Protein backbone atom coordinates (compact mmCIF):
# COMPACT_ATOMS: atom_id res chain seq x y z
CA MET A 1 -29.43 18.60 -46.54
CA VAL A 2 -25.95 18.54 -45.01
CA THR A 3 -24.39 15.09 -44.63
CA PHE A 4 -21.39 14.14 -42.51
CA ARG A 5 -20.11 10.96 -40.83
CA ILE A 6 -19.05 10.17 -37.25
CA PRO A 7 -15.83 8.09 -37.32
CA ARG A 8 -15.91 4.71 -35.64
CA THR A 9 -12.74 5.60 -33.74
CA CYS A 10 -14.61 8.38 -31.96
CA SER A 11 -17.38 6.03 -30.82
CA PHE A 12 -14.85 3.39 -29.75
CA HIS A 13 -12.88 6.03 -27.83
CA LYS A 14 -16.01 7.11 -25.96
CA ILE A 15 -16.87 3.51 -25.03
CA LEU A 16 -13.35 2.95 -23.73
CA GLY A 17 -13.63 6.16 -21.71
CA LEU A 18 -16.81 4.93 -20.03
CA ILE A 19 -15.22 1.55 -19.26
CA MET A 20 -12.13 3.20 -17.77
CA LEU A 21 -14.07 5.82 -15.80
CA LEU A 22 -14.12 3.87 -12.51
CA PRO A 23 -10.43 2.83 -12.63
CA PHE A 24 -9.45 6.40 -13.51
CA ILE A 25 -11.35 7.76 -10.51
CA ALA A 26 -9.81 5.09 -8.25
CA TRP A 27 -6.29 5.72 -9.52
CA SER A 28 -6.60 9.50 -9.28
CA ALA A 29 -8.14 9.59 -5.80
CA SER A 30 -5.67 7.08 -4.37
CA ALA A 31 -2.73 8.85 -6.03
CA VAL A 32 -3.75 12.14 -4.39
CA PHE A 33 -3.98 10.34 -1.05
CA PHE A 34 -0.48 8.89 -1.37
CA LEU A 35 0.84 12.30 -2.38
CA VAL A 36 -0.64 14.02 0.69
CA ARG A 37 -0.26 10.97 3.01
CA PRO A 38 -2.49 12.11 5.90
CA GLY A 39 -1.70 10.25 9.13
CA TYR A 40 0.76 8.03 7.27
CA ASP A 41 3.63 8.31 9.76
CA GLU A 42 1.59 7.31 12.80
CA ALA A 43 -0.20 4.54 10.94
CA TYR A 44 3.12 2.83 10.18
CA GLU A 45 5.27 3.85 13.12
CA ARG A 46 7.19 1.13 14.91
CA PRO A 47 7.09 1.22 18.73
CA ASN A 48 10.54 0.85 20.24
CA VAL A 49 11.39 -1.52 23.04
CA GLN A 50 12.31 0.50 26.12
CA GLN A 51 16.05 0.28 26.73
CA TYR A 52 17.89 0.85 30.01
CA PRO A 53 21.51 1.77 30.68
CA ALA A 54 23.78 -1.21 31.24
CA GLN A 55 24.43 -1.87 34.92
CA SER A 56 27.99 -2.94 34.22
CA ALA A 57 30.50 -2.86 31.39
CA TYR A 58 29.92 -5.52 28.78
CA THR A 59 32.32 -6.70 26.12
CA ILE A 60 30.70 -8.31 23.10
CA PRO A 61 32.39 -11.66 22.43
CA VAL A 62 34.17 -12.21 19.13
CA ASN A 63 32.63 -14.81 16.84
CA GLU A 64 33.58 -15.18 13.19
CA ASN A 65 30.07 -16.40 12.37
CA TRP A 66 28.47 -13.17 13.59
CA LEU A 67 27.97 -10.60 10.84
CA GLU A 68 26.27 -8.04 13.09
CA THR A 69 25.67 -7.70 16.84
CA ARG A 70 23.35 -5.63 19.00
CA TYR A 71 23.56 -5.42 22.76
CA PHE A 72 21.05 -3.67 25.02
CA ASN A 73 19.33 -3.89 28.35
CA THR A 74 15.55 -4.07 28.88
CA VAL A 75 13.24 -4.72 31.77
CA LEU A 76 13.75 -8.44 31.08
CA GLY A 77 17.55 -8.35 31.28
CA GLU A 78 20.57 -8.12 28.97
CA HIS A 79 20.03 -9.07 25.35
CA LEU A 80 22.50 -9.92 22.61
CA ILE A 81 21.04 -9.98 19.10
CA VAL A 82 23.35 -11.45 16.46
CA ARG A 83 23.01 -11.88 12.70
CA GLN A 84 24.50 -14.89 10.97
CA LEU A 85 24.34 -16.15 7.40
CA ASP A 86 21.18 -18.09 8.24
CA GLY A 87 19.44 -15.17 9.98
CA TRP A 88 19.08 -13.51 13.37
CA ARG A 89 19.48 -15.11 16.80
CA HIS A 90 18.42 -13.80 20.21
CA LEU A 91 20.84 -14.71 22.99
CA HIS A 92 21.22 -14.15 26.70
CA ALA A 93 24.11 -11.69 26.89
CA ASP A 94 25.68 -13.37 29.91
CA SER A 95 25.48 -17.05 28.89
CA LEU A 96 25.18 -16.70 25.08
CA GLN A 97 22.38 -19.26 25.22
CA GLU A 98 19.37 -19.03 22.93
CA TRP A 99 16.68 -16.86 24.50
CA VAL A 100 13.29 -18.34 23.69
CA LEU A 101 10.07 -16.36 23.74
CA PRO A 102 9.33 -15.56 27.41
CA SER A 103 6.06 -15.91 29.30
CA GLN A 104 2.91 -13.98 28.45
CA ALA A 105 3.42 -11.76 31.51
CA GLN A 106 6.96 -10.82 30.40
CA VAL A 107 5.84 -10.11 26.83
CA SER A 108 3.04 -7.92 28.22
CA LEU A 109 5.52 -5.99 30.35
CA LEU A 110 7.80 -5.40 27.37
CA LEU A 111 4.93 -4.25 25.14
CA GLU A 112 3.33 -2.03 27.79
CA GLU A 113 6.58 -0.12 28.16
CA ALA A 114 6.93 0.23 24.39
CA ILE A 115 3.44 1.66 23.79
CA ALA A 116 3.44 3.98 26.79
CA ALA A 117 5.17 6.66 24.70
CA ASN A 118 2.01 7.05 22.56
CA ALA A 119 -0.88 6.22 24.89
CA ARG A 120 -3.36 8.15 22.73
CA ARG A 121 -2.89 5.70 19.87
CA TYR A 122 -2.31 2.45 21.72
CA GLY A 123 -4.24 2.79 24.96
CA GLN A 124 -3.95 -0.33 27.09
CA LEU A 125 -3.27 -3.98 26.30
CA ILE A 126 -6.38 -6.12 26.50
CA SER A 127 -5.01 -9.45 25.27
CA VAL A 128 -1.67 -11.15 24.65
CA ASP A 129 -1.27 -14.42 22.80
CA GLY A 130 2.32 -15.55 22.26
CA ASN A 131 4.00 -12.67 20.45
CA GLN A 132 0.68 -11.10 19.34
CA ALA A 133 -1.28 -8.53 21.32
CA THR A 134 -4.32 -6.29 20.98
CA THR A 135 -5.06 -2.94 22.59
CA ASP A 136 -8.34 -1.29 23.58
CA THR A 137 -7.94 1.20 20.71
CA GLY A 138 -8.06 -1.57 18.10
CA VAL A 139 -4.33 -1.67 17.41
CA GLU A 140 -2.74 -5.07 16.83
CA LEU A 141 0.86 -5.51 17.98
CA SER A 142 3.36 -8.11 16.82
CA LEU A 143 6.64 -8.74 18.63
CA ASP A 144 9.47 -10.18 16.56
CA TRP A 145 11.34 -11.82 19.41
CA THR A 146 14.30 -12.80 17.23
CA THR A 147 15.19 -9.15 16.54
CA LEU A 148 13.27 -7.71 19.52
CA SER A 149 11.33 -5.33 17.27
CA ILE A 150 7.64 -4.42 17.32
CA SER A 151 5.25 -3.78 14.45
CA GLN A 152 1.70 -2.49 14.75
CA SER A 153 -1.43 -2.22 12.66
CA GLY A 154 -4.40 -0.01 13.51
CA ARG A 155 -7.65 0.88 11.79
CA ASP A 156 -5.89 3.67 9.90
CA SER A 157 -3.06 1.49 8.61
CA ARG A 158 -5.50 -1.21 7.49
CA TRP A 159 -7.54 1.47 5.68
CA ILE A 160 -4.39 2.79 3.97
CA ASP A 161 -3.48 -0.75 2.95
CA ARG A 162 -6.90 -1.03 1.32
CA ILE A 163 -6.35 2.20 -0.63
CA TYR A 164 -2.99 0.82 -1.74
CA SER A 165 -4.75 -2.31 -3.01
CA ILE A 166 -7.30 -0.23 -4.92
CA HIS A 167 -4.57 1.88 -6.52
CA TYR A 168 -2.76 -1.20 -7.82
CA LEU A 169 -5.95 -3.00 -8.92
CA GLN A 170 -5.71 -5.60 -6.16
CA TRP A 171 -9.48 -5.60 -5.94
CA THR A 172 -10.30 -9.25 -5.30
CA GLY A 173 -7.41 -10.40 -3.11
CA ILE A 174 -6.83 -13.28 -5.55
CA GLU A 175 -3.40 -12.75 -7.13
CA LEU A 176 -4.17 -14.38 -10.50
CA ILE A 177 -7.39 -12.41 -11.03
CA ASP A 178 -5.81 -9.15 -9.84
CA ASN A 179 -2.88 -9.62 -12.22
CA LEU A 180 -5.28 -10.19 -15.11
CA LEU A 181 -7.23 -7.07 -14.14
CA GLY A 182 -3.98 -5.12 -14.12
CA LEU A 183 -3.02 -6.35 -17.58
CA VAL A 184 -6.47 -5.60 -18.98
CA GLY A 185 -6.37 -2.13 -17.42
CA LEU A 186 -2.97 -1.37 -18.94
CA PHE A 187 -4.12 -2.63 -22.35
CA LEU A 188 -7.25 -0.48 -22.26
CA LEU A 189 -5.19 2.51 -21.13
CA MET A 190 -2.82 2.13 -24.07
CA THR A 191 -5.76 1.65 -26.44
CA ILE A 192 -7.61 4.73 -25.27
CA THR A 193 -4.37 6.72 -25.56
CA TYR A 194 -3.94 5.46 -29.14
CA THR A 195 -7.49 6.25 -30.22
CA GLY A 196 -7.34 9.66 -28.55
CA SER A 197 -4.11 10.44 -30.37
CA ARG A 198 -5.64 9.53 -33.74
CA LEU A 199 -8.61 11.78 -33.07
CA ALA A 200 -6.37 14.61 -31.85
CA ILE A 201 -4.24 14.70 -34.99
CA GLY A 202 -7.18 14.06 -37.34
CA LEU A 203 -6.08 10.75 -38.86
CA ASP A 204 -9.64 9.43 -38.97
CA ALA A 205 -11.21 12.62 -40.28
CA LYS A 206 -9.95 11.91 -43.80
CA ARG A 207 -11.59 8.48 -43.78
CA GLU A 208 -14.98 9.54 -42.47
CA PRO A 209 -16.88 8.88 -45.73
CA GLU A 210 -15.74 5.23 -45.73
CA ASN A 211 -15.59 4.17 -42.10
CA GLY A 212 -18.26 6.14 -40.32
CA ALA A 213 -21.98 6.04 -39.78
CA MET A 214 -23.98 8.60 -41.74
CA VAL A 215 -25.73 11.37 -39.85
CA THR A 216 -28.14 13.68 -41.69
CA GLN A 217 -28.96 17.19 -40.56
CA SER A 218 -31.43 19.61 -42.08
CA GLU A 219 -30.18 22.97 -43.34
CA PRO A 220 -31.21 26.03 -41.34
CA LEU A 221 -34.54 27.58 -42.35
CA GLN A 222 -32.80 30.83 -43.13
CA SER A 223 -30.60 29.16 -45.73
CA ARG A 224 -33.64 27.60 -47.40
CA SER A 225 -35.49 30.87 -47.67
CA GLU A 226 -32.45 32.57 -49.14
CA THR A 227 -32.16 29.80 -51.76
CA ASN A 228 -35.82 30.15 -52.77
């Protein structure tokens, strides 16, 4: 009879490997996706508000409270966007009065011009509510009137966001639970690395007679016959 022992570290390492199998697959697959980034640019592109040449010369007023200024002309008129210490302000360029969010029809006109450059993705507007809009291709538009910028989110960008959440273990949408999952995952990753390193360099092989479970194997028949 030949007797040898399987070290406990080996068994523990295998168990950890099975536990970490699903996270490893999720991390690897999502990492490959972010490396290749198919359709990433279009999914997160930002439609630009259509600008027109100024009909007359315009001199931006001097104001010591303005840290940055932007002047341009759109289908709605002349805009002056200024940045102050407390944030951005949207002004009428001629009167320097605060320009509040316009009517639904004017917002629709502004958005329709912006998405016309990529009709394949955006299609046509089907609803406008305040500064939010939806198109017949499933894209959701959001107009930041303060800075006159547009953001969008389609099926592809929402799908990419989900992959991002999977990659960073944001599986439940509950921050506390997701943070705990992340910490547990990192701890298990360090543990499986430690046990694998011990097995690789043979630290546990010397202690097999003390720490392992005994496994018995019969000698080959040929060896027995030769002994007899």
